[in-house]
All heavy atoms as atom14 arrays in JSON, in Angstrom:
{
  "sequence": "GGLVQAGGSLRLSCTASGSIFSANAIVWYRQPPGNQRD",
  "atom14_mask": [
    [1, 1, 1, 1, 0, 0, 0, 0, 0, 0, 0, 0, 0, 0],
    [1, 1, 1, 1, 0, 0, 0, 0, 0, 0, 0, 0, 0, 0],
    [1, 1, 1, 1, 1, 1, 1, 1, 0, 0, 0, 0, 0, 0],
    [1, 1, 1, 1, 1, 1, 1, 0, 0, 0, 0, 0, 0, 0],
    [1, 1, 1, 1, 1, 1, 1, 1, 1, 0, 0, 0, 0, 0],
    [1, 1, 1, 1, 1, 0, 0, 0, 0, 0, 0, 0, 0, 0],
    [1, 1, 1, 1, 0, 0, 0, 0, 0, 0, 0, 0, 0, 0],
    [1, 1, 1, 1, 0, 0, 0, 0, 0, 0, 0, 0, 0, 0],
    [1, 1, 1, 1, 1, 1, 0, 0, 0, 0, 0, 0, 0, 0],
    [1, 1, 1, 1, 1, 1, 1, 1, 0, 0, 0, 0, 0, 0],
    [1, 1, 1, 1, 1, 1, 1, 1, 1, 1, 1, 0, 0, 0],
    [1, 1, 1, 1, 1, 1, 1, 1, 0, 0, 0, 0, 0, 0],
    [1, 1, 1, 1, 1, 1, 0, 0, 0, 0, 0, 0, 0, 0],
    [1, 1, 1, 1, 1, 1, 0, 0, 0, 0, 0, 0, 0, 0],
    [1, 1, 1, 1, 1, 1, 1, 0, 0, 0, 0, 0, 0, 0],
    [1, 1, 1, 1, 1, 0, 0, 0, 0, 0, 0, 0, 0, 0],
    [1, 1, 1, 1, 1, 1, 0, 0, 0, 0, 0, 0, 0, 0],
    [1, 1, 1, 1, 0, 0, 0, 0, 0, 0, 0, 0, 0, 0],
    [1, 1, 1, 1, 1, 1, 0, 0, 0, 0, 0, 0, 0, 0],
    [1, 1, 1, 1, 1, 1, 1, 1, 0, 0, 0, 0, 0, 0],
    [1, 1, 1, 1, 1, 1, 1, 1, 1, 1, 1, 0, 0, 0],
    [1, 1, 1, 1, 1, 1, 0, 0, 0, 0, 0, 0, 0, 0],
    [1, 1, 1, 1, 1, 0, 0, 0, 0, 0, 0, 0, 0, 0],
    [1, 1, 1, 1, 1, 1, 1, 1, 0, 0, 0, 0, 0, 0],
    [1, 1, 1, 1, 1, 0, 0, 0, 0, 0, 0, 0, 0, 0],
    [1, 1, 1, 1, 1, 1, 1, 1, 0, 0, 0, 0, 0, 0],
    [1, 1, 1, 1, 1, 1, 1, 0, 0, 0, 0, 0, 0, 0],
    [1, 1, 1, 1, 1, 1, 1, 1, 1, 1, 1, 1, 1, 1],
    [1, 1, 1, 1, 1, 1, 1, 1, 1, 1, 1, 1, 0, 0],
    [1, 1, 1, 1, 1, 1, 1, 1, 1, 1, 1, 0, 0, 0],
    [1, 1, 1, 1, 1, 1, 1, 1, 1, 0, 0, 0, 0, 0],
    [1, 1, 1, 1, 1, 1, 1, 0, 0, 0, 0, 0, 0, 0],
    [1, 1, 1, 1, 1, 1, 1, 0, 0, 0, 0, 0, 0, 0],
    [1, 1, 1, 1, 0, 0, 0, 0, 0, 0, 0, 0, 0, 0],
    [1, 1, 1, 1, 1, 1, 1, 1, 0, 0, 0, 0, 0, 0],
    [1, 1, 1, 1, 1, 1, 1, 1, 1, 0, 0, 0, 0, 0],
    [1, 1, 1, 1, 1, 1, 1, 1, 1, 1, 1, 0, 0, 0],
    [1, 1, 1, 1, 1, 1, 1, 1, 0, 0, 0, 0, 0, 0]
  ],
  "atom14_positions": [
    [[-37.45, 35.4, -41.26], [-37.58, 36.82, -41.51], [-37.6, 37.13, -43.0], [-37.44, 36.24, -43.85], [0.0, 0.0, 0.0], [0.0, 0.0, 0.0], [0.0, 0.0, 0.0], [0.0, 0.0, 0.0], [0.0, 0.0, 0.0], [0.0, 0.0, 0.0], [0.0, 0.0, 0.0], [0.0, 0.0, 0.0], [0.0, 0.0, 0.0], [0.0, 0.0, 0.0]],
    [[-37.78, 38.39, -43.31], [-37.79, 38.81, -44.7], [-38.32, 40.22, -44.85], [-38.49, 40.94, -43.87], [0.0, 0.0, 0.0], [0.0, 0.0, 0.0], [0.0, 0.0, 0.0], [0.0, 0.0, 0.0], [0.0, 0.0, 0.0], [0.0, 0.0, 0.0], [0.0, 0.0, 0.0], [0.0, 0.0, 0.0], [0.0, 0.0, 0.0], [0.0, 0.0, 0.0]],
    [[-38.55, 40.57, -46.09], [-39.1, 41.88, -46.43], [-40.58, 41.72, -46.73], [-40.97, 40.87, -47.55], [-38.37, 42.45, -47.64], [-38.92, 43.75, -48.24], [-38.83, 44.88, -47.23], [-38.18, 44.1, -49.52], [0.0, 0.0, 0.0], [0.0, 0.0, 0.0], [0.0, 0.0, 0.0], [0.0, 0.0, 0.0], [0.0, 0.0, 0.0], [0.0, 0.0, 0.0]],
    [[-41.4, 42.52, -46.07], [-42.85, 42.42, -46.24], [-43.44, 43.81, -46.2], [-42.89, 44.72, -45.57], [-43.45, 41.52, -45.14], [-43.25, 42.13, -43.76], [-44.9, 41.2, -45.4], [0.0, 0.0, 0.0], [0.0, 0.0, 0.0], [0.0, 0.0, 0.0], [0.0, 0.0, 0.0], [0.0, 0.0, 0.0], [0.0, 0.0, 0.0], [0.0, 0.0, 0.0]],
    [[-44.54, 43.98, -46.9], [-45.23, 45.26, -46.87], [-46.04, 45.4, -45.59], [-46.45, 44.4, -44.98], [-46.14, 45.39, -48.08], [-45.41, 45.59, -49.39], [-46.36, 45.88, -50.54], [-47.51, 45.44, -50.53], [-45.88, 46.62, -51.53], [0.0, 0.0, 0.0], [0.0, 0.0, 0.0], [0.0, 0.0, 0.0], [0.0, 0.0, 0.0], [0.0, 0.0, 0.0]],
    [[-46.29, 46.61, -45.21], [-47.14, 46.87, -44.04], [-48.48, 46.17, -44.23], [-49.05, 46.18, -45.31], [-47.34, 48.37, -43.86], [0.0, 0.0, 0.0], [0.0, 0.0, 0.0], [0.0, 0.0, 0.0], [0.0, 0.0, 0.0], [0.0, 0.0, 0.0], [0.0, 0.0, 0.0], [0.0, 0.0, 0.0], [0.0, 0.0, 0.0], [0.0, 0.0, 0.0]],
    [[-48.93, 45.55, -43.14], [-50.17, 44.77, -43.19], [-49.95, 43.3, -43.45], [-50.88, 42.51, -43.31], [0.0, 0.0, 0.0], [0.0, 0.0, 0.0], [0.0, 0.0, 0.0], [0.0, 0.0, 0.0], [0.0, 0.0, 0.0], [0.0, 0.0, 0.0], [0.0, 0.0, 0.0], [0.0, 0.0, 0.0], [0.0, 0.0, 0.0], [0.0, 0.0, 0.0]],
    [[-48.75, 42.94, -43.85], [-48.44, 41.56, -44.16], [-48.12, 40.73, -42.93], [-48.2, 41.22, -41.79], [0.0, 0.0, 0.0], [0.0, 0.0, 0.0], [0.0, 0.0, 0.0], [0.0, 0.0, 0.0], [0.0, 0.0, 0.0], [0.0, 0.0, 0.0], [0.0, 0.0, 0.0], [0.0, 0.0, 0.0], [0.0, 0.0, 0.0], [0.0, 0.0, 0.0]],
    [[-47.76, 39.48, -43.16], [-47.5, 38.54, -42.08], [-46.2, 37.78, -42.32], [-45.79, 37.59, -43.47], [-48.64, 37.52, -41.98], [-49.87, 38.13, -41.68], [0.0, 0.0, 0.0], [0.0, 0.0, 0.0], [0.0, 0.0, 0.0], [0.0, 0.0, 0.0], [0.0, 0.0, 0.0], [0.0, 0.0, 0.0], [0.0, 0.0, 0.0], [0.0, 0.0, 0.0]],
    [[-45.6, 37.36, -41.24], [-44.44, 36.48, -41.26], [-44.54, 35.54, -40.07], [-45.14, 35.89, -39.05], [-43.13, 37.26, -41.16], [-42.66, 38.05, -42.38], [-41.46, 38.92, -41.99], [-42.31, 37.12, -43.53], [0.0, 0.0, 0.0], [0.0, 0.0, 0.0], [0.0, 0.0, 0.0], [0.0, 0.0, 0.0], [0.0, 0.0, 0.0], [0.0, 0.0, 0.0]],
    [[-43.94, 34.38, -40.21], [-43.81, 33.47, -39.07], [-42.34, 33.16, -38.86], [-41.67, 32.6, -39.72], [-44.59, 32.17, -39.28], [-44.63, 31.33, -37.99], [-45.43, 30.06, -38.13], [-44.66, 28.99, -38.72], [-44.84, 27.69, -38.46], [-45.78, 27.32, -37.61], [-44.12, 26.76, -39.07], [0.0, 0.0, 0.0], [0.0, 0.0, 0.0], [0.0, 0.0, 0.0]],
    [[-41.86, 33.53, -37.7], [-40.47, 33.27, -37.32], [-40.38, 31.95, -36.59], [-41.28, 31.57, -35.85], [-39.93, 34.39, -36.44], [-40.07, 35.81, -36.98], [-39.4, 36.79, -36.01], [-39.51, 35.94, -38.37], [0.0, 0.0, 0.0], [0.0, 0.0, 0.0], [0.0, 0.0, 0.0], [0.0, 0.0, 0.0], [0.0, 0.0, 0.0], [0.0, 0.0, 0.0]],
    [[-39.25, 31.28, -36.8], [-38.99, 30.01, -36.13], [-37.72, 30.11, -35.31], [-36.76, 30.78, -35.71], [-38.84, 28.88, -37.15], [-40.02, 28.7, -37.89], [0.0, 0.0, 0.0], [0.0, 0.0, 0.0], [0.0, 0.0, 0.0], [0.0, 0.0, 0.0], [0.0, 0.0, 0.0], [0.0, 0.0, 0.0], [0.0, 0.0, 0.0], [0.0, 0.0, 0.0]],
    [[-37.72, 29.41, -34.22], [-36.55, 29.34, -33.34], [-36.32, 27.87, -33.03], [-37.19, 27.2, -32.46], [-36.8, 30.12, -32.07], [-35.57, 29.88, -30.77], [0.0, 0.0, 0.0], [0.0, 0.0, 0.0], [0.0, 0.0, 0.0], [0.0, 0.0, 0.0], [0.0, 0.0, 0.0], [0.0, 0.0, 0.0], [0.0, 0.0, 0.0], [0.0, 0.0, 0.0]],
    [[-35.17, 27.37, -33.42], [-34.8, 26.0, -33.1], [-33.47, 26.01, -32.37], [-32.76, 27.03, -32.36], [-34.7, 25.14, -34.37], [-33.74, 25.71, -35.25], [-36.03, 25.04, -35.07], [0.0, 0.0, 0.0], [0.0, 0.0, 0.0], [0.0, 0.0, 0.0], [0.0, 0.0, 0.0], [0.0, 0.0, 0.0], [0.0, 0.0, 0.0], [0.0, 0.0, 0.0]],
    [[-33.14, 24.87, -31.78], [-31.94, 24.82, -30.96], [-31.28, 23.45, -31.06], [-31.93, 22.45, -31.34], [-32.28, 25.14, -29.51], [0.0, 0.0, 0.0], [0.0, 0.0, 0.0], [0.0, 0.0, 0.0], [0.0, 0.0, 0.0], [0.0, 0.0, 0.0], [0.0, 0.0, 0.0], [0.0, 0.0, 0.0], [0.0, 0.0, 0.0], [0.0, 0.0, 0.0]],
    [[-29.97, 23.46, -30.78], [-29.23, 22.21, -30.8], [-29.55, 21.35, -29.6], [-29.53, 20.12, -29.69], [-27.73, 22.5, -30.84], [-27.37, 23.28, -29.72], [0.0, 0.0, 0.0], [0.0, 0.0, 0.0], [0.0, 0.0, 0.0], [0.0, 0.0, 0.0], [0.0, 0.0, 0.0], [0.0, 0.0, 0.0], [0.0, 0.0, 0.0], [0.0, 0.0, 0.0]],
    [[-29.81, 21.98, -28.47], [-30.23, 21.26, -27.28], [-31.71, 21.48, -27.05], [-32.39, 22.09, -27.86], [0.0, 0.0, 0.0], [0.0, 0.0, 0.0], [0.0, 0.0, 0.0], [0.0, 0.0, 0.0], [0.0, 0.0, 0.0], [0.0, 0.0, 0.0], [0.0, 0.0, 0.0], [0.0, 0.0, 0.0], [0.0, 0.0, 0.0], [0.0, 0.0, 0.0]],
    [[-32.2, 20.96, -25.93], [-33.62, 21.13, -25.64], [-33.93, 22.58, -25.32], [-33.5, 23.12, -24.31], [-34.04, 20.25, -24.47], [-35.38, 20.54, -24.11], [0.0, 0.0, 0.0], [0.0, 0.0, 0.0], [0.0, 0.0, 0.0], [0.0, 0.0, 0.0], [0.0, 0.0, 0.0], [0.0, 0.0, 0.0], [0.0, 0.0, 0.0], [0.0, 0.0, 0.0]],
    [[-34.71, 23.18, -26.22], [-35.06, 24.59, -26.02], [-35.98, 24.74, -24.82], [-36.09, 25.82, -24.24], [-35.69, 25.15, -27.31], [-35.6, 26.67, -27.32], [-37.13, 24.68, -27.46], [-35.97, 27.27, -28.66], [0.0, 0.0, 0.0], [0.0, 0.0, 0.0], [0.0, 0.0, 0.0], [0.0, 0.0, 0.0], [0.0, 0.0, 0.0], [0.0, 0.0, 0.0]],
    [[-36.62, 23.65, -24.44], [-37.59, 23.72, -23.36], [-36.99, 23.35, -22.01], [-37.71, 23.13, -21.04], [-38.78, 22.83, -23.7], [-39.44, 23.23, -25.01], [-39.48, 22.36, -26.08], [-39.97, 24.5, -25.16], [-40.06, 22.74, -27.28], [-40.56, 24.89, -26.36], [-40.6, 24.01, -27.42], [0.0, 0.0, 0.0], [0.0, 0.0, 0.0], [0.0, 0.0, 0.0]],
    [[-35.67, 23.31, -21.96], [-35.01, 23.13, -20.66], [-35.1, 24.4, -19.83], [-34.9, 24.36, -18.61], [-33.54, 22.74, -20.86], [-32.85, 23.78, -21.53], [0.0, 0.0, 0.0], [0.0, 0.0, 0.0], [0.0, 0.0, 0.0], [0.0, 0.0, 0.0], [0.0, 0.0, 0.0], [0.0, 0.0, 0.0], [0.0, 0.0, 0.0], [0.0, 0.0, 0.0]],
    [[-35.41, 25.51, -20.5], [-35.57, 26.78, -19.78], [-37.0, 26.91, -19.27], [-37.92, 26.27, -19.77], [-35.25, 27.94, -20.71], [0.0, 0.0, 0.0], [0.0, 0.0, 0.0], [0.0, 0.0, 0.0], [0.0, 0.0, 0.0], [0.0, 0.0, 0.0], [0.0, 0.0, 0.0], [0.0, 0.0, 0.0], [0.0, 0.0, 0.0], [0.0, 0.0, 0.0]],
    [[-37.18, 27.76, -18.26], [-38.53, 27.95, -17.73], [-39.36, 28.9, -18.58], [-40.58, 29.03, -18.38], [-38.49, 28.44, -16.28], [-37.73, 29.74, -16.14], [-37.31, 30.33, -17.12], [-37.53, 30.16, -14.9], [0.0, 0.0, 0.0], [0.0, 0.0, 0.0], [0.0, 0.0, 0.0], [0.0, 0.0, 0.0], [0.0, 0.0, 0.0], [0.0, 0.0, 0.0]],
    [[-38.71, 29.51, -19.55], [-39.44, 30.39, -20.47], [-38.58, 30.6, -21.72], [-37.35, 30.51, -21.67], [-39.74, 31.74, -19.83], [0.0, 0.0, 0.0], [0.0, 0.0, 0.0], [0.0, 0.0, 0.0], [0.0, 0.0, 0.0], [0.0, 0.0, 0.0], [0.0, 0.0, 0.0], [0.0, 0.0, 0.0], [0.0, 0.0, 0.0], [0.0, 0.0, 0.0]],
    [[-39.23, 30.86, -22.82], [-38.56, 31.24, -24.06], [-39.11, 32.6, -24.47], [-40.32, 32.85, -24.38], [-38.8, 30.21, -25.19], [-38.16, 28.88, -24.81], [-38.21, 30.72, -26.51], [-36.65, 28.93, -24.67], [0.0, 0.0, 0.0], [0.0, 0.0, 0.0], [0.0, 0.0, 0.0], [0.0, 0.0, 0.0], [0.0, 0.0, 0.0], [0.0, 0.0, 0.0]],
    [[-38.2, 33.45, -24.89], [-38.54, 34.84, -25.19], [-38.13, 35.17, -26.61], [-37.04, 34.79, -27.04], [-37.82, 35.79, -24.21], [-38.23, 37.24, -24.48], [-38.11, 35.4, -22.76], [0.0, 0.0, 0.0], [0.0, 0.0, 0.0], [0.0, 0.0, 0.0], [0.0, 0.0, 0.0], [0.0, 0.0, 0.0], [0.0, 0.0, 0.0], [0.0, 0.0, 0.0]],
    [[-38.98, 35.87, -27.3], [-38.59, 36.53, -28.55], [-38.23, 37.97, -28.21], [-39.01, 38.68, -27.55], [-39.71, 36.5, -29.58], [-39.81, 35.22, -30.34], [-40.69, 34.19, -30.12], [-39.01, 34.82, -31.45], [-40.47, 33.18, -31.02], [-39.44, 33.54, -31.86], [-37.96, 35.42, -32.15], [-38.87, 32.84, -32.92], [-37.39, 34.72, -33.22], [-37.85, 33.45, -33.59]],
    [[-37.06, 38.36, -28.67], [-36.57, 39.73, -28.52], [-36.44, 40.33, -29.91], [-36.34, 39.64, -30.91], [-35.18, 39.73, -27.88], [-35.08, 39.09, -26.53], [-34.88, 37.71, -26.4], [-35.14, 39.84, -25.36], [-34.75, 37.1, -25.15], [-35.02, 39.24, -24.1], [-34.83, 37.87, -24.02], [-34.71, 37.27, -22.78], [0.0, 0.0, 0.0], [0.0, 0.0, 0.0]],
    [[-36.37, 41.65, -29.95], [-36.06, 42.31, -31.21], [-35.19, 43.53, -30.95], [-35.27, 44.15, -29.89], [-37.31, 42.7, -31.98], [-38.14, 43.83, -31.38], [-39.4, 44.03, -32.21], [-40.24, 45.11, -31.7], [-41.45, 45.4, -32.18], [-41.95, 44.69, -33.19], [-42.15, 46.39, -31.66], [0.0, 0.0, 0.0], [0.0, 0.0, 0.0], [0.0, 0.0, 0.0]],
    [[-34.37, 43.83, -31.95], [-33.46, 44.96, -31.85], [-33.58, 45.79, -33.12], [-33.03, 45.43, -34.17], [-32.02, 44.5, -31.66], [-31.05, 45.62, -31.4], [-29.71, 45.12, -30.89], [-29.38, 43.95, -31.02], [-28.94, 46.03, -30.31], [0.0, 0.0, 0.0], [0.0, 0.0, 0.0], [0.0, 0.0, 0.0], [0.0, 0.0, 0.0], [0.0, 0.0, 0.0]],
    [[-34.29, 46.92, -33.03], [-34.39, 47.81, -34.2], [-33.05, 48.47, -34.47], [-32.19, 48.54, -33.56], [-35.43, 48.84, -33.76], [-36.13, 48.24, -32.59], [-35.12, 47.37, -31.92], [0.0, 0.0, 0.0], [0.0, 0.0, 0.0], [0.0, 0.0, 0.0], [0.0, 0.0, 0.0], [0.0, 0.0, 0.0], [0.0, 0.0, 0.0], [0.0, 0.0, 0.0]],
    [[-32.84, 48.99, -35.65], [-31.56, 49.64, -35.96], [-31.25, 50.76, -34.98], [-32.1, 51.63, -34.73], [-31.79, 50.18, -37.38], [-32.9, 49.36, -37.93], [-33.76, 48.98, -36.78], [0.0, 0.0, 0.0], [0.0, 0.0, 0.0], [0.0, 0.0, 0.0], [0.0, 0.0, 0.0], [0.0, 0.0, 0.0], [0.0, 0.0, 0.0], [0.0, 0.0, 0.0]],
    [[-30.07, 50.72, -34.38], [-29.64, 51.78, -33.48], [-30.3, 51.77, -32.13], [-30.15, 52.73, -31.35], [0.0, 0.0, 0.0], [0.0, 0.0, 0.0], [0.0, 0.0, 0.0], [0.0, 0.0, 0.0], [0.0, 0.0, 0.0], [0.0, 0.0, 0.0], [0.0, 0.0, 0.0], [0.0, 0.0, 0.0], [0.0, 0.0, 0.0], [0.0, 0.0, 0.0]],
    [[-31.02, 50.71, -31.82], [-31.73, 50.66, -30.54], [-31.35, 49.41, -29.75], [-30.68, 48.52, -30.25], [-33.24, 50.68, -30.76], [-33.74, 52.05, -31.16], [-33.95, 52.93, -30.34], [-33.93, 52.23, -32.46], [0.0, 0.0, 0.0], [0.0, 0.0, 0.0], [0.0, 0.0, 0.0], [0.0, 0.0, 0.0], [0.0, 0.0, 0.0], [0.0, 0.0, 0.0]],
    [[-31.79, 49.37, -28.51], [-31.48, 48.22, -27.67], [-32.39, 47.05, -28.01], [-33.4, 47.21, -28.68], [-31.64, 48.61, -26.2], [-33.09, 48.93, -25.82], [-33.21, 49.35, -24.36], [-32.26, 49.73, -23.72], [-34.43, 49.27, -23.83], [0.0, 0.0, 0.0], [0.0, 0.0, 0.0], [0.0, 0.0, 0.0], [0.0, 0.0, 0.0], [0.0, 0.0, 0.0]],
    [[-32.0, 45.9, -27.51], [-32.78, 44.69, -27.69], [-33.89, 44.66, -26.64], [-33.62, 44.82, -25.45], [-31.87, 43.48, -27.54], [-32.44, 42.16, -28.0], [-31.34, 41.1, -27.98], [-30.28, 41.42, -28.91], [-29.16, 40.72, -29.01], [-28.97, 39.67, -28.23], [-28.22, 41.06, -29.88], [0.0, 0.0, 0.0], [0.0, 0.0, 0.0], [0.0, 0.0, 0.0]],
    [[-35.12, 44.45, -27.08], [-36.27, 44.48, -26.17], [-37.07, 43.2, -26.28], [-37.05, 42.51, -27.3], [-37.19, 45.66, -26.5], [-36.58, 47.0, -26.13], [-35.84, 47.05, -25.13], [-36.83, 47.98, -26.85], [0.0, 0.0, 0.0], [0.0, 0.0, 0.0], [0.0, 0.0, 0.0], [0.0, 0.0, 0.0], [0.0, 0.0, 0.0], [0.0, 0.0, 0.0]]
  ]
}
């Protein structure tokens, strides 16, 4: 993550101590300030 101007790009990474692919799906969620995680 980081600070970027509108129109810019970022690449997020998710790593894990165990096998992340032991699950039947992996989801990216986000939680804006003052809002629920979606």
